Amino acid sequence: MEKWKCTVCGYVYDPEFGDPDSGIAPGTAFESIPDSWVCPICGATKDLFEKE
Protein backbone atom coordinates (compact mmCIF):
# COMPACT_ATOMS: atom_id res chain seq x y z
CA MET A 1 0.00 0.00 0.00
CA GLU A 2 1.14 3.50 -0.77
CA LYS A 3 2.05 6.22 1.69
CA TRP A 4 0.41 9.65 1.39
CA LYS A 5 1.98 12.95 2.48
CA CYS A 6 0.21 16.04 3.78
CA THR A 7 1.20 18.95 1.54
CA VAL A 8 0.58 21.39 4.40
CA CYS A 9 2.72 20.00 7.24
CA GLY A 10 4.58 16.97 5.82
CA TYR A 11 2.83 14.30 7.92
CA VAL A 12 2.99 10.93 6.18
CA TYR A 13 0.04 8.55 6.42
CA ASP A 14 1.45 5.03 6.39
CA PRO A 15 -1.25 2.37 5.94
CA GLU A 16 0.92 -0.15 7.79
CA PHE A 17 0.31 1.84 10.99
CA GLY A 18 -3.00 3.58 10.22
CA ASP A 19 -4.05 6.38 12.58
CA PRO A 20 -5.32 4.63 15.71
CA ASP A 21 -5.85 7.92 17.56
CA SER A 22 -8.41 8.82 14.89
CA GLY A 23 -9.97 5.35 14.73
CA ILE A 24 -8.15 4.27 11.55
CA ALA A 25 -6.93 0.69 12.01
CA PRO A 26 -3.50 -0.49 10.83
CA GLY A 27 -3.74 -1.91 7.31
CA THR A 28 -6.29 0.68 6.14
CA ALA A 29 -5.54 2.02 2.66
CA PHE A 30 -5.66 5.82 2.31
CA GLU A 31 -8.48 5.47 -0.22
CA SER A 32 -10.56 3.60 2.39
CA ILE A 33 -10.30 6.32 5.04
CA PRO A 34 -13.56 8.29 5.40
CA ASP A 35 -13.57 11.67 3.62
CA SER A 36 -14.22 13.31 6.98
CA TRP A 37 -10.76 12.28 8.24
CA VAL A 38 -8.21 15.08 8.63
CA CYS A 39 -4.46 15.20 9.15
CA PRO A 40 -3.78 14.42 12.82
CA ILE A 41 -1.04 17.07 12.94
CA CYS A 42 -2.47 20.12 11.18
CA GLY A 43 -6.12 19.28 10.40
CA ALA A 44 -5.72 19.38 6.61
CA THR A 45 -8.40 17.54 4.62
CA LYS A 46 -7.71 14.40 2.55
CA ASP A 47 -7.62 16.37 -0.71
CA LEU A 48 -4.45 18.11 0.52
CA PHE A 49 -2.51 14.81 0.57
CA GLU A 50 -0.43 13.46 -2.31
CA LYS A 51 1.06 10.03 -3.00
CA GLU A 52 4.65 9.64 -1.93
C-alpha atoms as a PDB file:
ATOM      1  CA  MET A   1       0.000   0.000   0.000  1.00  0.00           C
ATOM      2  CA  GLU A   2       1.136   3.502  -0.768  1.00  0.00           C
ATOM      3  CA  LYS A   3       2.048   6.224   1.690  1.00  0.00           C
ATOM      4  CA  TRP A   4       0.409   9.645   1.394  1.00  0.00           C
ATOM      5  CA  LYS A   5       1.981  12.950   2.479  1.00  0.00           C
ATOM      6  CA  CYS A   6       0.209  16.039   3.781  1.00  0.00           C
ATOM      7  CA  THR A   7       1.197  18.952   1.543  1.00  0.00           C
ATOM      8  CA  VAL A   8       0.585  21.390   4.400  1.00  0.00           C
ATOM      9  CA  CYS A   9       2.721  19.998   7.238  1.00  0.00           C
ATOM     10  CA  GLY A  10       4.577  16.974   5.823  1.00  0.00           C
ATOM     11  CA  TYR A  11       2.826  14.302   7.920  1.00  0.00           C
ATOM     12  CA  VAL A  12       2.994  10.929   6.179  1.00  0.00           C
ATOM     13  CA  TYR A  13       0.041   8.550   6.419  1.00  0.00           C
ATOM     14  CA  ASP A  14       1.455   5.026   6.393  1.00  0.00           C
ATOM     15  CA  PRO A  15      -1.253   2.366   5.944  1.00  0.00           C
ATOM     16  CA  GLU A  16       0.916  -0.148   7.792  1.00  0.00           C
ATOM     17  CA  PHE A  17       0.314   1.838  10.995  1.00  0.00           C
ATOM     18  CA  GLY A  18      -2.995   3.579  10.218  1.00  0.00           C
ATOM     19  CA  ASP A  19      -4.048   6.379  12.577  1.00  0.00           C
ATOM     20  CA  PRO A  20      -5.317   4.627  15.715  1.00  0.00           C
ATOM     21  CA  ASP A  21      -5.848   7.917  17.564  1.00  0.00           C
ATOM     22  CA  SER A  22      -8.412   8.821  14.892  1.00  0.00           C
ATOM     23  CA  GLY A  23      -9.969   5.353  14.734  1.00  0.00           C
ATOM     24  CA  ILE A  24      -8.153   4.267  11.552  1.00  0.00           C
ATOM     25  CA  ALA A  25      -6.928   0.691  12.006  1.00  0.00           C
ATOM     26  CA  PRO A  26      -3.500  -0.495  10.829  1.00  0.00           C
ATOM     27  CA  GLY A  27      -3.740  -1.914   7.312  1.00  0.00           C
ATOM     28  CA  THR A  28      -6.295   0.681   6.139  1.00  0.00           C
ATOM     29  CA  ALA A  29      -5.542   2.021   2.658  1.00  0.00           C
ATOM     30  CA  PHE A  30      -5.661   5.823   2.307  1.00  0.00           C
ATOM     31  CA  GLU A  31      -8.481   5.466  -0.223  1.00  0.00           C
ATOM     32  CA  SER A  32     -10.560   3.602   2.388  1.00  0.00           C
ATOM     33  CA  ILE A  33     -10.300   6.320   5.042  1.00  0.00           C
ATOM     34  CA  PRO A  34     -13.560   8.292   5.397  1.00  0.00           C
ATOM     35  CA  ASP A  35     -13.569  11.668   3.622  1.00  0.00           C
ATOM     36  CA  SER A  36     -14.225  13.314   6.984  1.00  0.00           C
ATOM     37  CA  TRP A  37     -10.757  12.277   8.235  1.00  0.00           C
ATOM     38  CA  VAL A  38      -8.215  15.082   8.630  1.00  0.00           C
ATOM     39  CA  CYS A  39      -4.459  15.203   9.148  1.00  0.00           C
ATOM     40  CA  PRO A  40      -3.784  14.422  12.817  1.00  0.00           C
ATOM     41  CA  ILE A  41      -1.044  17.069  12.942  1.00  0.00           C
ATOM     42  CA  CYS A  42      -2.474  20.116  11.177  1.00  0.00           C
ATOM     43  CA  GLY A  43      -6.116  19.279  10.405  1.00  0.00           C
ATOM     44  CA  ALA A  44      -5.724  19.384   6.606  1.00  0.00           C
ATOM     45  CA  THR A  45      -8.397  17.538   4.623  1.00  0.00           C
ATOM     46  CA  LYS A  46      -7.708  14.400   2.552  1.00  0.00           C
ATOM     47  CA  ASP A  47      -7.618  16.369  -0.712  1.00  0.00           C
ATOM     48  CA  LEU A  48      -4.452  18.108   0.516  1.00  0.00           C
ATOM     49  CA  PHE A  49      -2.513  14.815   0.573  1.00  0.00           C
ATOM     50  CA  GLU A  50      -0.432  13.461  -2.309  1.00  0.00           C
ATOM     51  CA  LYS A  51       1.063  10.033  -3.001  1.00  0.00           C
ATOM     52  CA  GLU A  52       4.652   9.638  -1.929  1.00  0.00           C
END
